[in-house]
Protein backbone atom coordinates (compact mmCIF):
# COMPACT_ATOMS: atom_id res chain seq x y z
CA UNK A 1 -4.66 0.26 -7.47
CA UNK A 2 -1.54 -1.85 -8.02
CA UNK A 3 0.66 -1.90 -4.97
CA UNK A 4 4.13 -2.81 -3.79
CA UNK A 5 3.21 -6.49 -3.52
CA UNK A 6 3.07 -6.65 -7.35
CA UNK A 7 0.25 -9.18 -7.27
CA UNK A 8 -2.04 -7.44 -9.75
CA UNK A 9 -4.64 -4.72 -10.29
CA UNK A 10 -7.47 -4.00 -7.85
CA UNK A 11 -10.36 -2.24 -9.62
CA UNK A 12 -13.37 -0.91 -7.75
CA UNK A 13 -16.54 0.91 -8.70
CA UNK A 14 -17.40 3.38 -5.97
CA UNK A 15 -20.41 5.61 -5.41
CA UNK A 16 -19.20 8.72 -3.61
CA UNK A 17 -22.54 10.50 -3.44
CA UNK A 18 -23.37 13.18 -0.90
CA UNK A 19 -25.78 10.99 1.04
CA UNK A 20 -23.62 7.89 1.37
CA UNK A 21 -20.44 6.24 0.22
CA UNK A 22 -20.55 2.67 -0.97
CA UNK A 23 -18.40 0.11 -2.70
CA UNK A 24 -20.53 -1.07 -5.63
CA UNK A 25 -18.39 -3.69 -7.37
CA UNK A 26 -14.85 -5.09 -7.43
CA UNK A 27 -12.56 -6.84 -9.90
CA UNK A 28 -9.04 -8.26 -9.62
CA UNK A 29 -6.67 -8.82 -12.53
CA UNK A 30 -3.47 -10.69 -11.55
CA UNK A 31 -0.03 -9.89 -12.91
CA UNK A 32 1.63 -12.73 -14.77
CA UNK A 33 5.16 -13.77 -13.81
CA UNK A 34 6.73 -12.13 -16.86
CA UNK A 35 5.21 -8.74 -16.12
CA UNK A 36 6.15 -8.97 -12.45
CA UNK A 37 9.76 -9.79 -13.38
CA UNK A 38 9.93 -6.74 -15.67
CA UNK A 39 8.60 -4.50 -12.91
CA UNK A 40 11.05 -5.89 -10.38
CA UNK A 41 13.91 -5.32 -12.85
CA UNK A 42 12.97 -1.64 -13.04
CA UNK A 43 13.54 -1.31 -9.29
CA UNK A 44 17.28 -1.30 -9.94
CA UNK A 45 19.55 0.69 -12.30
CA UNK A 46 19.99 -1.19 -15.57
CA UNK A 47 20.42 -0.76 -19.31
CA UNK A 48 17.82 1.04 -21.45
CA UNK A 49 15.76 2.06 -18.42
CA UNK A 50 13.93 4.98 -20.03
CA UNK A 51 12.73 2.92 -22.98
CA UNK A 52 11.74 -0.04 -20.82
CA UNK A 53 9.90 2.20 -18.34
CA UNK A 54 7.97 3.96 -21.12
CA UNK A 55 6.96 0.66 -22.69
CA UNK A 56 5.92 -0.66 -19.30
CA UNK A 57 3.81 2.46 -18.68
CA UNK A 58 1.97 1.74 -21.94
CA UNK A 59 1.54 -1.92 -21.02
CA UNK A 60 0.16 -0.99 -17.61
CA UNK A 61 -2.30 1.46 -19.16
CA UNK A 62 -3.62 -1.34 -21.33
CA UNK A 63 -3.79 -3.65 -18.32
CA UNK A 64 -5.66 -1.07 -16.24
CA UNK A 65 -8.10 -0.59 -19.13
CA UNK A 66 -8.56 -4.35 -19.22
CA UNK A 67 -9.29 -4.40 -15.48
CA UNK A 68 -11.83 -1.61 -15.90
CA UNK A 69 -13.45 -3.59 -18.70
CA UNK A 70 -13.68 -6.58 -16.37
CA UNK A 71 -15.25 -4.38 -13.71
CA UNK A 72 -18.10 -3.38 -16.01
CA UNK A 73 -18.59 -6.69 -17.81
CA UNK A 74 -22.18 -7.99 -17.67
CA UNK A 75 -23.27 -5.10 -15.48
CA UNK A 76 -26.07 -2.57 -15.65
CA UNK A 77 -23.61 0.17 -14.68
CA UNK A 78 -21.96 1.85 -17.66
CA UNK A 79 -18.45 3.23 -17.91
CA UNK A 80 -19.88 6.32 -19.57
CA UNK A 81 -21.58 7.14 -16.27
CA UNK A 82 -18.25 7.26 -14.40
CA UNK A 83 -17.01 10.74 -13.53
CA UNK A 84 -13.35 9.78 -13.24
CA UNK A 85 -10.87 6.95 -12.87
CA UNK A 86 -8.37 7.31 -10.05
CA UNK A 87 -5.22 5.40 -11.05
CA UNK A 88 -2.31 5.17 -8.64
CA UNK A 89 0.06 3.52 -11.14
CA UNK A 90 2.82 1.07 -10.27
CA UNK A 91 5.54 2.39 -7.99
CA UNK A 92 9.02 1.53 -9.20
CA UNK A 93 11.00 4.14 -7.23
CA UNK A 94 10.08 6.05 -4.09
CA UNK A 95 12.82 8.40 -2.88
CA UNK A 96 11.40 11.18 -0.68
CA UNK A 97 14.73 11.88 1.02
CA UNK A 98 16.01 15.48 0.90
CA UNK A 99 18.93 14.58 -1.37
CA UNK A 100 16.61 12.97 -3.97
CA UNK A 101 12.94 13.99 -3.56
CA UNK A 102 11.14 12.10 -6.27
CA UNK A 103 8.69 9.25 -6.70
CA UNK A 104 7.77 7.29 -9.83
CA UNK A 105 4.47 5.50 -10.37
CA UNK A 106 4.36 4.03 -13.86
CA UNK A 107 1.27 4.46 -16.02
CA UNK A 108 0.57 6.27 -19.28
CA UNK A 109 -2.45 8.12 -17.94
CA UNK A 110 -3.11 9.85 -21.26
CA UNK A 111 -3.32 6.46 -22.96
CA UNK A 112 -5.63 5.15 -20.24
CA UNK A 113 -7.94 8.14 -20.76
CA UNK A 114 -7.91 7.44 -24.49
CA UNK A 115 -8.57 3.72 -24.09
CA UNK A 116 -11.47 4.25 -21.69
CA UNK A 117 -12.76 7.62 -22.99
CA UNK A 118 -12.98 8.59 -19.33
CA UNK A 119 -11.25 11.29 -17.28
CA UNK A 120 -8.23 9.88 -15.45
CA UNK A 121 -6.57 11.23 -12.32
CA UNK A 122 -3.03 9.95 -11.74
CA UNK A 123 0.34 10.94 -10.21
CA UNK A 124 -1.05 11.51 -6.72
CA UNK A 125 2.26 11.57 -4.84
CA UNK A 126 4.43 14.11 -6.65
CA UNK A 127 2.72 17.30 -5.43
CA UNK A 128 3.08 16.33 -1.79
CA UNK A 129 6.78 15.60 -2.31
CA UNK A 130 7.17 18.94 -4.11
CA UNK A 131 5.69 20.57 -0.99
CA UNK A 132 8.35 18.94 1.18
CA UNK A 133 6.35 15.86 2.14
CA UNK A 134 7.01 12.14 1.94
CA UNK A 135 4.36 11.59 -0.74
CA UNK A 136 3.10 8.66 1.35
CA UNK A 137 1.10 7.28 2.94
CA UNK A 138 -1.86 8.98 1.27
CA UNK A 139 -4.62 6.74 2.62
CA UNK A 140 -4.95 8.29 6.13
CA UNK A 141 -7.21 11.12 4.90
CA UNK A 142 -9.52 8.52 3.40
CA UNK A 143 -9.37 6.42 6.56
CA UNK A 144 -10.46 9.47 8.51
CA UNK A 145 -13.34 10.18 6.13
CA UNK A 146 -14.62 6.61 6.27
CA UNK A 147 -13.55 5.06 9.56
CA UNK A 148 -13.38 7.78 12.22
CA UNK A 149 -15.32 6.94 15.39
CA UNK A 150 -16.20 9.35 18.19
CA UNK A 151 -15.97 6.77 20.96
CA UNK A 152 -12.73 4.93 20.15
CA UNK A 153 -9.05 5.56 19.57
CA UNK A 154 -8.78 3.57 16.38
CA UNK A 155 -5.87 2.45 14.22
CA UNK A 156 -6.12 1.24 10.62
CA UNK A 157 -3.21 -0.97 9.57
CA UNK A 158 -2.75 -1.53 5.86
CA UNK A 159 -0.50 -4.54 5.25
CA UNK A 160 0.45 -4.55 1.59
CA UNK A 161 4.00 -4.87 0.34
CA UNK A 162 4.75 -2.15 2.88
CA UNK A 163 2.79 -1.75 6.12
CA UNK A 164 1.41 1.62 7.17
CA UNK A 165 -0.73 2.76 10.05
CA UNK A 166 -3.31 5.54 10.53
CA UNK A 167 -4.30 6.84 13.97
CA UNK A 168 -7.89 8.06 14.28
CA UNK A 169 -8.89 10.02 17.37
CA UNK A 170 -11.45 12.84 17.35
CA UNK A 171 -9.44 14.61 20.07
CA UNK A 172 -6.06 14.40 18.33
CA UNK A 173 -4.56 15.37 14.96
CA UNK A 174 -4.73 12.81 12.18
CA UNK A 175 -1.38 11.00 11.96
CA UNK A 176 0.09 7.95 10.27
CA UNK A 177 3.21 6.61 8.60
CA UNK A 178 4.85 3.66 6.94
CA UNK A 179 6.15 1.42 9.70
CA UNK A 180 8.16 -1.11 7.65
CA UNK A 181 7.87 -4.09 5.33
CA UNK A 182 4.50 -5.79 5.15
CA UNK A 183 4.38 -8.73 2.76
CA UNK A 184 7.14 -7.98 0.29
CA UNK A 185 10.07 -9.67 2.06
CA UNK A 186 7.99 -12.71 3.00
CA UNK A 187 6.67 -12.97 -0.56
CA UNK A 188 10.14 -12.68 -2.07
CA UNK A 189 11.60 -15.33 0.24
CA UNK A 190 8.66 -17.68 -0.36
CA UNK A 191 8.93 -17.26 -4.15
CA UNK A 192 12.68 -17.94 -4.04
CA UNK A 193 12.48 -21.10 -1.93
CA UNK A 194 9.02 -22.47 -2.65
CA UNK A 195 8.13 -21.15 -6.09
CA UNK A 196 4.93 -19.67 -4.62
CA UNK A 197 3.97 -16.02 -4.82
CA UNK A 198 3.06 -15.88 -1.13
CA UNK A 199 2.87 -18.00 2.02
CA UNK A 200 -0.86 -18.66 2.38
CA UNK A 201 -2.00 -18.08 5.97
CA UNK A 202 1.64 -18.17 7.05
CA UNK A 203 1.55 -21.98 6.85
CA UNK A 204 5.20 -22.29 5.85
CA UNK A 205 6.32 -19.69 8.39
CA UNK A 206 4.47 -21.66 11.06
CA UNK A 207 6.87 -24.59 10.52
CA UNK A 208 9.85 -22.41 11.44
CA UNK A 209 11.12 -20.58 14.48
CA UNK A 210 12.02 -16.94 15.00
CA UNK A 211 15.79 -16.37 14.80
CA UNK A 212 16.41 -13.74 17.52
CA UNK A 213 19.82 -12.64 16.21
CA UNK A 214 18.53 -12.21 12.67
CA UNK A 215 15.45 -10.34 13.87
CA UNK A 216 17.65 -8.02 15.90
CA UNK A 217 19.87 -7.31 12.88
CA UNK A 218 16.91 -6.64 10.59
CA UNK A 219 15.19 -4.36 13.08
CA UNK A 220 18.43 -2.44 13.65
CA UNK A 221 17.94 -0.68 10.31
CA UNK A 222 17.75 3.05 11.01
CA UNK A 223 14.38 3.32 9.26
CA UNK A 224 12.64 1.70 12.23
CA UNK A 225 14.17 4.13 14.72
CA UNK A 226 13.47 7.23 12.63
CA UNK A 227 10.49 9.25 13.85
CA UNK A 228 7.55 9.98 11.56
CA UNK A 229 6.74 11.39 9.10
CA UNK A 230 8.35 8.61 7.10
CA UNK A 231 7.65 6.35 4.15
CA UNK A 232 9.51 3.57 2.41
CA UNK A 233 9.36 0.95 -0.33
CA UNK A 234 11.38 -1.54 -2.33
CA UNK A 235 14.17 1.02 -2.66
CA UNK A 236 15.13 0.05 0.89
CA UNK A 237 13.39 -3.21 1.77
CA UNK A 238 14.15 -5.73 -0.96
CA UNK A 239 15.69 -9.15 -1.47
CA UNK A 240 19.22 -7.75 -1.61
CA UNK A 241 18.68 -5.98 1.71
CA UNK A 242 17.60 -9.27 3.25
CA UNK A 243 20.53 -11.21 1.80
CA UNK A 244 23.01 -8.78 3.36
CA UNK A 245 21.75 -9.80 6.81
CA UNK A 246 21.99 -13.57 6.30
CA UNK A 247 25.05 -15.66 7.09
CA UNK A 248 23.93 -18.51 4.82
CA UNK A 249 23.29 -21.37 7.23
CA UNK A 250 19.72 -20.54 8.23
CA UNK A 251 16.83 -22.91 7.57
CA UNK A 252 14.56 -21.20 5.02
CA UNK A 253 11.43 -21.73 7.11
CA UNK A 254 13.12 -20.04 10.09
CA UNK A 255 13.94 -17.01 7.95
CA UNK A 256 10.32 -16.90 6.79
CA UNK A 257 9.07 -16.99 10.37
CA UNK A 258 11.54 -14.26 11.32
CA UNK A 259 10.38 -12.06 8.44
CA UNK A 260 6.80 -12.44 9.62
CA UNK A 261 7.91 -11.46 13.10
CA UNK A 262 9.70 -8.40 11.69
CA UNK A 263 6.41 -7.22 10.17
CA UNK A 264 4.63 -7.83 13.48
CA UNK A 265 7.37 -6.11 15.49
CA UNK A 266 7.38 -3.00 13.29
CA UNK A 267 3.58 -2.64 13.51
CA UNK A 268 3.19 -3.41 17.21
CA UNK A 269 6.18 -1.31 18.28
CA UNK A 270 4.88 1.68 16.30
CA UNK A 271 1.47 1.40 17.96
CA UNK A 272 2.89 0.97 21.45
CA UNK A 273 5.38 3.82 21.05
CA UNK A 274 3.20 6.45 19.44
CA UNK A 275 -0.40 5.42 20.16
CA UNK A 276 -0.50 3.51 23.48
CA UNK A 277 -4.12 4.55 24.15
CA UNK A 278 -5.41 2.70 21.09
CA UNK A 279 -8.36 0.43 21.87
CA UNK A 280 -9.30 -0.74 18.35
CA UNK A 281 -7.01 -1.97 15.55
CA UNK A 282 -8.41 -2.86 12.13
CA UNK A 283 -6.31 -4.59 9.49
CA UNK A 284 -6.65 -4.36 5.72
CA UNK A 285 -4.55 -5.25 2.67
CA UNK A 286 -3.44 -8.69 1.52
CA UNK A 287 -1.45 -9.36 4.70
CA UNK A 288 -4.62 -9.12 6.77
CA UNK A 289 -5.57 -12.58 5.45
CA UNK A 290 -2.34 -14.17 6.69
CA UNK A 291 -3.75 -16.05 9.66
CA UNK A 292 -0.45 -16.42 11.51
CA UNK A 293 0.35 -12.75 10.98
CA UNK A 294 -3.11 -11.68 12.15
CA UNK A 295 -3.04 -13.91 15.23
CA UNK A 296 0.47 -12.82 16.22
CA UNK A 297 -0.45 -9.14 15.99
CA UNK A 298 -3.61 -9.81 18.01
CA UNK A 299 -1.69 -11.68 20.69
CA UNK A 300 0.82 -8.85 21.04
CA UNK A 301 -1.87 -6.18 21.41
CA UNK A 302 -3.89 -7.71 24.26
CA UNK A 303 -5.44 -4.41 25.36
CA UNK A 304 -6.82 -3.61 21.88
CA UNK A 305 -9.60 -5.18 19.87
CA UNK A 306 -8.04 -6.48 16.64
CA UNK A 307 -10.23 -7.23 13.61
CA UNK A 308 -10.49 -6.76 9.84
CA UNK A 309 -11.93 -3.62 8.24
CA UNK A 310 -14.71 -5.91 6.99
CA UNK A 311 -16.37 -5.15 10.32
CA UNK A 312 -16.35 -1.44 9.41
CA UNK A 313 -18.12 -2.12 6.13
CA UNK A 314 -15.21 -2.31 3.67
CA UNK A 315 -13.62 -5.67 2.83
CA UNK A 316 -9.92 -5.68 3.68
CA UNK A 317 -8.85 -6.40 0.08
CA UNK A 318 -10.42 -3.25 -1.38
CA UNK A 319 -9.69 -0.44 1.08
CA UNK A 320 -6.70 0.97 -0.79
CA UNK A 321 -8.32 0.97 -4.24
CA UNK A 322 -11.38 2.62 -2.64
CA UNK A 323 -9.03 5.26 -1.21
CA UNK A 324 -7.72 6.27 -4.62
CA UNK A 325 -11.26 6.62 -5.95
CA UNK A 326 -11.84 9.03 -3.06
CA UNK A 327 -8.57 10.86 -3.78
CA UNK A 328 -9.59 11.20 -7.43
CA UNK A 329 -12.85 12.80 -6.32
CA UNK A 330 -10.89 15.21 -4.13
CA UNK A 331 -8.81 16.26 -7.14
CA UNK A 332 -11.83 16.66 -9.44
CA UNK A 333 -13.57 18.80 -6.81
CA UNK A 334 -10.44 20.90 -6.15
CA UNK A 335 -10.06 19.67 -2.58
CA UNK A 336 -6.76 18.74 -0.86
CA UNK A 337 -5.92 15.06 -0.54
CA UNK A 338 -2.80 15.09 1.61
CA UNK A 339 -2.47 15.51 5.37
CA UNK A 340 0.60 17.56 6.40
CA UNK A 341 0.66 15.95 9.86
CA UNK A 342 1.08 12.59 8.08
CA UNK A 343 3.43 13.35 5.19
CA UNK A 344 5.30 16.35 6.55
CA UNK A 345 4.33 18.58 3.62
CA UNK A 346 4.34 22.37 4.11
CA UNK A 347 0.58 22.48 3.73
CA UNK A 348 -2.50 20.91 2.23
CA UNK A 349 -2.31 20.32 -1.50
CA UNK A 350 -4.62 19.12 -4.27
CA UNK A 351 -3.12 15.81 -5.39
CA UNK A 352 -3.16 14.29 -8.83
CA UNK A 353 -2.82 15.26 -12.48
CA UNK A 354 -6.11 15.26 -14.40
CA UNK A 355 -6.34 13.87 -17.95
CA UNK A 356 -9.78 14.86 -19.29
CA UNK A 357 -11.80 12.42 -21.38
């Protein structure tokens, strides 16, 4: 998995046997600044896009193969014993709106299959969009399979570049949606002003104050008011979007604190509006480790228990990569991977294109 945060590749080895599911091993391969800049450049129309995108797909395939090699280095497990690799690819455009209806996750899956001599499942989102859905989020079905509890109304919040929520209740349909920006605006602002890829534990944001007028303007975007099903990405929430809302005299640390509050507001408001009976909230994704973000969410949900998915048996950093291993298994077994009540698709669909070894 390589997500909207553009921090690198999460690789996991997962045993999805009939008796139990378990995360066996993990490996992280960071993106370098040059690669990240190339990926960000592909978010916007520019010269020679087709050639640059194809070359980047090849480069990513090689990088994913390198991450898989790192996963199996010095290990008794062998790649030849793996049934399939689930590879999400790197999203560079996500446009599920009726007037566009497409999504692009870059990876040369055929090359990855060749490099690893292993079956690859990729392009998970397109079939759901073809069926009238948003193509995202796709993790709720996995959350249900792994985290459902018969005694609690439980929410899983994934805070990556974008934040999404899944509502788990045995007495209600499975639902979930993207609720707004997670880390991506905070990361972009921190990189611009501090030269750091992210604000560790929200330490810089903690030196600033929330700007109420700016927060109001940011949250006035129609995306937040739109009802689910809905999904989003850098096509909407990006540095240019942020700049349009600034008047230019703000202290950078106050903007950072306000961006953190925007993430909190979008998550907490979604929970309170659609799932007020929730009694447990579990966070995962990179943003779950932002101490100020975690504490602020916890303080604003006083009637719910707020914790990391670590307490459910899966470390917060690896939930999403684990999910795409599960989705790959669904595809290999001919089982649907989407949830129409989440994405808005016309029905259940088998997700992913399979590239045999």
